Amino acid sequence: MPKDRASKELTLSQVPYFIQDVELKEIELYQKKYMEFKINMHPVELLIVCKKFNIY
């Protein structure tokens, strides 16, 4: 895989299965703040909304 190109620019055959694009942002729902994680693990896209999270 070329290291000087963003994963979004690679062809399907060039993308290793372990590449993940992760986006994190704060959102507000019903006047409460949450964290939103969007994880792209082609061909799966995962969206998680939570109040808090821990990294171990």
C-alpha atoms as a PDB file:
ATOM      1  CA  MET A   1       0.000   0.000   0.000  1.00  0.00           C
ATOM      2  CA  PRO A   2       1.427   3.407  -0.876  1.00  0.00           C
ATOM      3  CA  LYS A   3       2.130   5.299   2.363  1.00  0.00           C
ATOM      4  CA  ASP A   4       1.859   8.750   0.797  1.00  0.00           C
ATOM      5  CA  ARG A   5      -1.821   8.344  -0.187  1.00  0.00           C
ATOM      6  CA  ALA A   6      -4.913   8.584   2.006  1.00  0.00           C
ATOM      7  CA  SER A   7      -6.779   5.316   2.443  1.00  0.00           C
ATOM      8  CA  LYS A   8      -9.845   6.858   0.772  1.00  0.00           C
ATOM      9  CA  GLU A   9      -7.839   7.258  -2.459  1.00  0.00           C
ATOM     10  CA  LEU A  10      -6.779   3.597  -2.681  1.00  0.00           C
ATOM     11  CA  THR A  11      -8.467   1.021  -4.862  1.00  0.00           C
ATOM     12  CA  LEU A  12     -10.252  -1.857  -3.148  1.00  0.00           C
ATOM     13  CA  SER A  13      -7.390  -4.262  -3.872  1.00  0.00           C
ATOM     14  CA  GLN A  14      -4.859  -1.839  -2.322  1.00  0.00           C
ATOM     15  CA  VAL A  15      -6.661  -1.428   1.022  1.00  0.00           C
ATOM     16  CA  PRO A  16      -5.600  -3.880   3.733  1.00  0.00           C
ATOM     17  CA  TYR A  17      -8.481  -5.269   5.760  1.00  0.00           C
ATOM     18  CA  PHE A  18      -7.246  -3.649   8.978  1.00  0.00           C
ATOM     19  CA  ILE A  19      -7.393  -0.022   7.828  1.00  0.00           C
ATOM     20  CA  GLN A  20     -10.077   1.876   9.707  1.00  0.00           C
ATOM     21  CA  ASP A  21     -11.176   5.479   9.343  1.00  0.00           C
ATOM     22  CA  VAL A  22     -12.402   6.767  12.692  1.00  0.00           C
ATOM     23  CA  GLU A  23     -14.251  10.031  13.218  1.00  0.00           C
ATOM     24  CA  LEU A  24     -15.153  11.398  16.642  1.00  0.00           C
ATOM     25  CA  LYS A  25     -17.409  14.328  17.385  1.00  0.00           C
ATOM     26  CA  GLU A  26     -19.593  15.690  20.144  1.00  0.00           C
ATOM     27  CA  ILE A  27     -23.314  15.861  19.420  1.00  0.00           C
ATOM     28  CA  GLU A  28     -26.366  17.049  21.313  1.00  0.00           C
ATOM     29  CA  LEU A  29     -29.566  15.013  21.522  1.00  0.00           C
ATOM     30  CA  TYR A  30     -32.541  16.116  23.593  1.00  0.00           C
ATOM     31  CA  GLN A  31     -30.408  18.807  25.280  1.00  0.00           C
ATOM     32  CA  LYS A  32     -27.775  16.260  26.401  1.00  0.00           C
ATOM     33  CA  LYS A  33     -24.230  15.954  25.045  1.00  0.00           C
ATOM     34  CA  TYR A  34     -22.940  12.671  23.633  1.00  0.00           C
ATOM     35  CA  MET A  35     -19.868  11.387  21.830  1.00  0.00           C
ATOM     36  CA  GLU A  36     -20.406  10.005  18.331  1.00  0.00           C
ATOM     37  CA  PHE A  37     -17.902   7.557  16.859  1.00  0.00           C
ATOM     38  CA  LYS A  38     -18.077   6.730  13.167  1.00  0.00           C
ATOM     39  CA  ILE A  39     -15.828   3.812  12.221  1.00  0.00           C
ATOM     40  CA  ASN A  40     -15.385   2.829   8.590  1.00  0.00           C
ATOM     41  CA  MET A  41     -14.129  -0.760   8.286  1.00  0.00           C
ATOM     42  CA  HIS A  42     -14.995  -1.351   4.644  1.00  0.00           C
ATOM     43  CA  PRO A  43     -17.393  -2.930   3.814  1.00  0.00           C
ATOM     44  CA  VAL A  44     -18.882  -2.194   7.265  1.00  0.00           C
ATOM     45  CA  GLU A  45     -19.600   1.261   8.681  1.00  0.00           C
ATOM     46  CA  LEU A  46     -20.269   1.438  12.416  1.00  0.00           C
ATOM     47  CA  LEU A  47     -21.859   4.375  14.249  1.00  0.00           C
ATOM     48  CA  ILE A  48     -21.715   4.479  18.065  1.00  0.00           C
ATOM     49  CA  VAL A  49     -23.292   7.156  20.264  1.00  0.00           C
ATOM     50  CA  CYS A  50     -22.447   7.152  23.976  1.00  0.00           C
ATOM     51  CA  LYS A  51     -22.196   9.358  27.067  1.00  0.00           C
ATOM     52  CA  LYS A  52     -18.676   8.274  28.000  1.00  0.00           C
ATOM     53  CA  PHE A  53     -16.030   5.763  27.049  1.00  0.00           C
ATOM     54  CA  ASN A  54     -12.878   4.260  28.538  1.00  0.00           C
ATOM     55  CA  ILE A  55      -9.689   3.254  26.785  1.00  0.00           C
ATOM     56  CA  TYR A  56      -7.786   0.386  28.397  1.00  0.00           C
END
